[in-house]
Amino acid sequence: MPGYGPPPTPAKKLPPKTLIGVIGAAAALIVTPFVSGWESGGTPRLVAYQDIVKVWTICGGETLGVKPGMVETAAGCELREEAALIRHAEPVLACTPILRSHPNQLSAAISLAYNIGTGGYCGSTVARRFNASNWRGACDAFLMWNKAGGQVVRGLDRRRRAERDLCMKELPR
């Protein structure tokens, strides 16, 4: 009969993921400004645009669900960026768990994955070398990812060199 017995227990809502919760405070403090600086030059683009390979993009490099004519707020861009970093950090940690306690190398790897995709990263020489504990070789392999549309792109080359430099900081032995 309706109305008898205890009321149904509401489903417990899980707290939202945070970047700090996924990768730790040290890596989050490194990767967030690092990726922001590359993706938006520090100023997010609030109107959707096509990137160098004609992919619709908004804010600081977000492509997920972006359509022509979309507009975002600065606060919305911050939320998008954290969600995007989490979306890229989780697969990076899954395919290169050795990076968990190495914030500089993890941050560099997340930045690379943010730019080339997690599938590209997880299948890369960078990931294979990290997993083999070939730290210097992994950092050097970042430089392989400097092309778009088959051509070396100056901006990508600069980014890969910066990621390599970050990767080389406090390099494990």
C-alpha atoms as a PDB file:
ATOM      1  CA  MET A   1       0.000   0.000   0.000  1.00  0.00           C
ATOM      2  CA  PRO A   2       1.278   3.467  -0.802  1.00  0.00           C
ATOM      3  CA  GLY A   3       2.386   5.556   2.112  1.00  0.00           C
ATOM      4  CA  TYR A   4       3.573   2.633   4.262  1.00  0.00           C
ATOM      5  CA  GLY A   5       7.171   1.907   5.103  1.00  0.00           C
ATOM      6  CA  PRO A   6      10.138   4.189   5.008  1.00  0.00           C
ATOM      7  CA  PRO A   7      10.419   6.720   2.217  1.00  0.00           C
ATOM      8  CA  PRO A   8      12.826   5.776  -0.556  1.00  0.00           C
ATOM      9  CA  THR A   9      16.361   6.892   0.023  1.00  0.00           C
ATOM     10  CA  PRO A  10      17.478   9.485  -2.484  1.00  0.00           C
ATOM     11  CA  ALA A  11      20.455   8.504  -4.626  1.00  0.00           C
ATOM     12  CA  LYS A  12      23.644   9.967  -3.228  1.00  0.00           C
ATOM     13  CA  LYS A  13      25.150  12.543  -5.516  1.00  0.00           C
ATOM     14  CA  LEU A  14      28.882  12.244  -5.918  1.00  0.00           C
ATOM     15  CA  PRO A  15      30.870  15.413  -5.400  1.00  0.00           C
ATOM     16  CA  PRO A  16      32.145  16.910  -8.648  1.00  0.00           C
ATOM     17  CA  LYS A  17      35.683  15.999  -9.659  1.00  0.00           C
ATOM     18  CA  THR A  18      38.308  18.668  -9.300  1.00  0.00           C
ATOM     19  CA  LEU A  19      41.642  18.880 -11.056  1.00  0.00           C
ATOM     20  CA  ILE A  20      43.415  18.921  -7.689  1.00  0.00           C
ATOM     21  CA  GLY A  21      41.539  15.779  -6.690  1.00  0.00           C
ATOM     22  CA  VAL A  22      42.529  13.999  -9.911  1.00  0.00           C
ATOM     23  CA  ILE A  23      46.206  14.993 -10.249  1.00  0.00           C
ATOM     24  CA  GLY A  24      47.170  16.626  -6.947  1.00  0.00           C
ATOM     25  CA  ALA A  25      47.809  20.215  -5.987  1.00  0.00           C
ATOM     26  CA  ALA A  26      51.396  20.442  -7.237  1.00  0.00           C
ATOM     27  CA  ALA A  27      50.578  19.276 -10.771  1.00  0.00           C
ATOM     28  CA  ALA A  28      47.348  21.333 -10.887  1.00  0.00           C
ATOM     29  CA  LEU A  29      49.298  24.484  -9.973  1.00  0.00           C
ATOM     30  CA  ILE A  30      51.740  23.778 -12.791  1.00  0.00           C
ATOM     31  CA  VAL A  31      49.472  22.542 -15.598  1.00  0.00           C
ATOM     32  CA  THR A  32      46.631  25.072 -15.365  1.00  0.00           C
ATOM     33  CA  PRO A  33      48.616  28.242 -16.163  1.00  0.00           C
ATOM     34  CA  PHE A  34      50.907  26.307 -18.514  1.00  0.00           C
ATOM     35  CA  VAL A  35      48.051  25.089 -20.738  1.00  0.00           C
ATOM     36  CA  SER A  36      46.148  28.381 -20.434  1.00  0.00           C
ATOM     37  CA  GLY A  37      49.157  30.319 -21.611  1.00  0.00           C
ATOM     38  CA  TRP A  38      49.487  28.195 -24.738  1.00  0.00           C
ATOM     39  CA  GLU A  39      45.860  27.771 -25.570  1.00  0.00           C
ATOM     40  CA  SER A  40      44.638  31.305 -25.125  1.00  0.00           C
ATOM     41  CA  GLY A  41      47.723  33.399 -24.553  1.00  0.00           C
ATOM     42  CA  GLY A  42      46.208  34.096 -21.131  1.00  0.00           C
ATOM     43  CA  THR A  43      43.041  35.634 -22.582  1.00  0.00           C
ATOM     44  CA  PRO A  44      40.285  33.182 -23.475  1.00  0.00           C
ATOM     45  CA  ARG A  45      38.514  33.645 -26.798  1.00  0.00           C
ATOM     46  CA  LEU A  46      34.843  33.962 -25.930  1.00  0.00           C
ATOM     47  CA  VAL A  47      33.503  33.476 -29.475  1.00  0.00           C
ATOM     48  CA  ALA A  48      33.970  30.183 -31.344  1.00  0.00           C
ATOM     49  CA  TYR A  49      36.662  30.223 -34.029  1.00  0.00           C
ATOM     50  CA  GLN A  50      38.382  27.715 -36.305  1.00  0.00           C
ATOM     51  CA  ASP A  51      41.889  26.709 -35.280  1.00  0.00           C
ATOM     52  CA  ILE A  52      44.845  26.125 -37.625  1.00  0.00           C
ATOM     53  CA  VAL A  53      43.390  22.804 -38.862  1.00  0.00           C
ATOM     54  CA  LYS A  54      39.839  24.221 -39.106  1.00  0.00           C
ATOM     55  CA  VAL A  55      38.440  22.656 -35.902  1.00  0.00           C
ATOM     56  CA  TRP A  56      35.836  24.798 -34.106  1.00  0.00           C
ATOM     57  CA  THR A  57      37.345  25.980 -30.832  1.00  0.00           C
ATOM     58  CA  ILE A  58      36.408  28.293 -27.955  1.00  0.00           C
ATOM     59  CA  CYS A  59      37.949  29.693 -24.767  1.00  0.00           C
ATOM     60  CA  GLY A  60      41.459  28.358 -24.293  1.00  0.00           C
ATOM     61  CA  GLY A  61      41.401  25.589 -26.868  1.00  0.00           C
ATOM     62  CA  GLU A  62      38.211  23.668 -26.026  1.00  0.00           C
ATOM     63  CA  THR A  63      36.783  21.775 -28.996  1.00  0.00           C
ATOM     64  CA  LEU A  64      34.249  19.452 -27.340  1.00  0.00           C
ATOM     65  CA  GLY A  65      30.759  20.329 -28.570  1.00  0.00           C
ATOM     66  CA  VAL A  66      31.853  23.659 -30.057  1.00  0.00           C
ATOM     67  CA  LYS A  67      29.741  24.953 -32.942  1.00  0.00           C
ATOM     68  CA  PRO A  68      30.025  28.056 -35.132  1.00  0.00           C
ATOM     69  CA  GLY A  69      28.528  31.120 -33.452  1.00  0.00           C
ATOM     70  CA  MET A  70      28.926  29.832 -29.875  1.00  0.00           C
ATOM     71  CA  VAL A  71      29.695  32.447 -27.238  1.00  0.00           C
ATOM     72  CA  GLU A  72      31.026  31.791 -23.730  1.00  0.00           C
ATOM     73  CA  THR A  73      31.687  33.891 -20.625  1.00  0.00           C
ATOM     74  CA  ALA A  74      35.062  34.150 -18.881  1.00  0.00           C
ATOM     75  CA  ALA A  75      33.653  32.157 -15.939  1.00  0.00           C
ATOM     76  CA  GLY A  76      32.291  29.558 -18.340  1.00  0.00           C
ATOM     77  CA  CYS A  77      35.725  29.278 -19.933  1.00  0.00           C
ATOM     78  CA  GLU A  78      37.302  28.591 -16.533  1.00  0.00           C
ATOM     79  CA  LEU A  79      34.822  25.765 -15.921  1.00  0.00           C
ATOM     80  CA  ARG A  80      35.401  24.382 -19.421  1.00  0.00           C
ATOM     81  CA  GLU A  81      39.169  24.462 -18.938  1.00  0.00           C
ATOM     82  CA  GLU A  82      39.086  22.566 -15.644  1.00  0.00           C
ATOM     83  CA  ALA A  83      36.723  19.958 -17.100  1.00  0.00           C
ATOM     84  CA  ALA A  84      38.943  19.606 -20.193  1.00  0.00           C
ATOM     85  CA  LEU A  85      42.090  19.216 -18.100  1.00  0.00           C
ATOM     86  CA  ILE A  86      40.386  16.512 -16.013  1.00  0.00           C
ATOM     87  CA  ARG A  87      39.197  14.779 -19.221  1.00  0.00           C
ATOM     88  CA  HIS A  88      42.770  14.694 -20.455  1.00  0.00           C
ATOM     89  CA  ALA A  89      44.517  14.009 -17.132  1.00  0.00           C
ATOM     90  CA  GLU A  90      42.572  10.841 -16.317  1.00  0.00           C
ATOM     91  CA  PRO A  91      43.588   8.938 -19.493  1.00  0.00           C
ATOM     92  CA  VAL A  92      47.179  10.243 -19.190  1.00  0.00           C
ATOM     93  CA  LEU A  93      47.355   8.785 -15.686  1.00  0.00           C
ATOM     94  CA  ALA A  94      45.671   5.567 -16.828  1.00  0.00           C
ATOM     95  CA  CYS A  95      48.188   4.923 -19.617  1.00  0.00           C
ATOM     96  CA  THR A  96      51.248   6.353 -17.805  1.00  0.00           C
ATOM     97  CA  PRO A  97      50.632   5.714 -14.080  1.00  0.00           C
ATOM     98  CA  ILE A  98      54.362   6.176 -13.455  1.00  0.00           C
ATOM     99  CA  LEU A  99      53.714   9.944 -13.713  1.00  0.00           C
ATOM    100  CA  ARG A 100      51.475  10.055 -10.610  1.00  0.00           C
ATOM    101  CA  SER A 101      54.207  11.379  -8.298  1.00  0.00           C
ATOM    102  CA  HIS A 102      56.082  13.486 -10.861  1.00  0.00           C
ATOM    103  CA  PRO A 103      54.169  16.782 -11.235  1.00  0.00           C
ATOM    104  CA  ASN A 104      56.402  18.401 -13.875  1.00  0.00           C
ATOM    105  CA  GLN A 105      56.382  15.382 -16.183  1.00  0.00           C
ATOM    106  CA  LEU A 106      52.656  14.803 -15.564  1.00  0.00           C
ATOM    107  CA  SER A 107      51.872  18.438 -16.356  1.00  0.00           C
ATOM    108  CA  ALA A 108      53.892  18.304 -19.571  1.00  0.00           C
ATOM    109  CA  ALA A 109      52.132  15.056 -20.571  1.00  0.00           C
ATOM    110  CA  ILE A 110      48.673  16.524 -19.869  1.00  0.00           C
ATOM    111  CA  SER A 111      49.548  19.583 -21.949  1.00  0.00           C
ATOM    112  CA  LEU A 112      50.623  17.348 -24.837  1.00  0.00           C
ATOM    113  CA  ALA A 113      47.478  15.208 -24.538  1.00  0.00           C
ATOM    114  CA  TYR A 114      45.309  18.348 -24.379  1.00  0.00           C
ATOM    115  CA  ASN A 115      46.778  19.380 -27.711  1.00  0.00           C
ATOM    116  CA  ILE A 116      47.073  16.038 -29.580  1.00  0.00           C
ATOM    117  CA  GLY A 117      44.292  14.057 -27.888  1.00  0.00           C
ATOM    118  CA  THR A 118      44.518  11.310 -25.291  1.00  0.00           C
ATOM    119  CA  GLY A 119      44.549   8.529 -27.896  1.00  0.00           C
ATOM    120  CA  GLY A 120      47.502  10.147 -29.633  1.00  0.00           C
ATOM    121  CA  TYR A 121      49.282  10.590 -26.327  1.00  0.00           C
ATOM    122  CA  CYS A 122      48.631   7.084 -24.996  1.00  0.00           C
ATOM    123  CA  GLY A 123      49.887   5.532 -28.243  1.00  0.00           C
ATOM    124  CA  SER A 124      52.918   7.805 -28.433  1.00  0.00           C
ATOM    125  CA  THR A 125      56.626   7.271 -28.045  1.00  0.00           C
ATOM    126  CA  VAL A 126      56.397   9.749 -25.159  1.00  0.00           C
ATOM    127  CA  ALA A 127      54.057   7.447 -23.196  1.00  0.00           C
ATOM    128  CA  ARG A 128      56.022   4.293 -24.072  1.00  0.00           C
ATOM    129  CA  ARG A 129      59.265   5.881 -22.906  1.00  0.00           C
ATOM    130  CA  PHE A 130      57.738   7.142 -19.658  1.00  0.00           C
ATOM    131  CA  ASN A 131      56.417   3.650 -18.931  1.00  0.00           C
ATOM    132  CA  ALA A 132      59.895   2.227 -19.589  1.00  0.00           C
ATOM    133  CA  SER A 133      61.339   4.771 -17.091  1.00  0.00           C
ATOM    134  CA  ASN A 134      63.256   6.379 -19.956  1.00  0.00           C
ATOM    135  CA  TRP A 135      62.581   9.849 -18.577  1.00  0.00           C
ATOM    136  CA  ARG A 136      64.978  11.862 -20.742  1.00  0.00           C
ATOM    137  CA  GLY A 137      63.929   9.942 -23.868  1.00  0.00           C
ATOM    138  CA  ALA A 138      60.262  10.621 -23.090  1.00  0.00           C
ATOM    139  CA  CYS A 139      60.935  14.331 -22.692  1.00  0.00           C
ATOM    140  CA  ASP A 140      62.895  14.414 -25.961  1.00  0.00           C
ATOM    141  CA  ALA A 141      60.016  12.651 -27.755  1.00  0.00           C
ATOM    142  CA  PHE A 142      57.747  15.683 -27.147  1.00  0.00           C
ATOM    143  CA  LEU A 143      59.631  17.358 -29.992  1.00  0.00           C
ATOM    144  CA  MET A 144      58.185  14.826 -32.481  1.00  0.00           C
ATOM    145  CA  TRP A 145      54.741  16.468 -32.174  1.00  0.00           C
ATOM    146  CA  ASN A 146      55.423  19.793 -33.890  1.00  0.00           C
ATOM    147  CA  LYS A 147      53.357  19.375 -37.071  1.00  0.00           C
ATOM    148  CA  ALA A 148      49.816  20.166 -38.185  1.00  0.00           C
ATOM    149  CA  GLY A 149      48.526  19.116 -41.570  1.00  0.00           C
ATOM    150  CA  GLY A 150      51.913  17.433 -42.208  1.00  0.00           C
ATOM    151  CA  GLN A 151      53.862  20.690 -41.868  1.00  0.00           C
ATOM    152  CA  VAL A 152      56.064  21.928 -39.023  1.00  0.00           C
ATOM    153  CA  VAL A 153      54.217  24.780 -37.333  1.00  0.00           C
ATOM    154  CA  ARG A 154      56.327  27.380 -35.534  1.00  0.00           C
ATOM    155  CA  GLY A 155      53.854  27.748 -32.669  1.00  0.00           C
ATOM    156  CA  LEU A 156      53.631  23.990 -32.138  1.00  0.00           C
ATOM    157  CA  ASP A 157      57.408  23.726 -32.243  1.00  0.00           C
ATOM    158  CA  ARG A 158      57.682  26.425 -29.545  1.00  0.00           C
ATOM    159  CA  ARG A 159      55.010  24.667 -27.457  1.00  0.00           C
ATOM    160  CA  ARG A 160      56.738  21.266 -27.734  1.00  0.00           C
ATOM    161  CA  ARG A 161      60.045  22.815 -26.681  1.00  0.00           C
ATOM    162  CA  ALA A 162      58.364  24.428 -23.667  1.00  0.00           C
ATOM    163  CA  GLU A 163      56.702  21.104 -22.761  1.00  0.00           C
ATOM    164  CA  ARG A 164      60.066  19.363 -23.083  1.00  0.00           C
ATOM    165  CA  ASP A 165      61.681  22.009 -20.839  1.00  0.00           C
ATOM    166  CA  LEU A 166      58.946  21.488 -18.239  1.00  0.00           C
ATOM    167  CA  CYS A 167      59.347  17.719 -18.538  1.00  0.00           C
ATOM    168  CA  MET A 168      63.101  18.003 -17.880  1.00  0.00           C
ATOM    169  CA  LYS A 169      62.554  19.831 -14.530  1.00  0.00           C
ATOM    170  CA  GLU A 170      63.338  17.665 -11.511  1.00  0.00           C
ATOM    171  CA  LEU A 171      63.746  14.695 -13.832  1.00  0.00           C
ATOM    172  CA  PRO A 172      63.640  11.354 -11.993  1.00  0.00           C
ATOM    173  CA  ARG A 173      66.788   9.246 -12.240  1.00  0.00           C
END
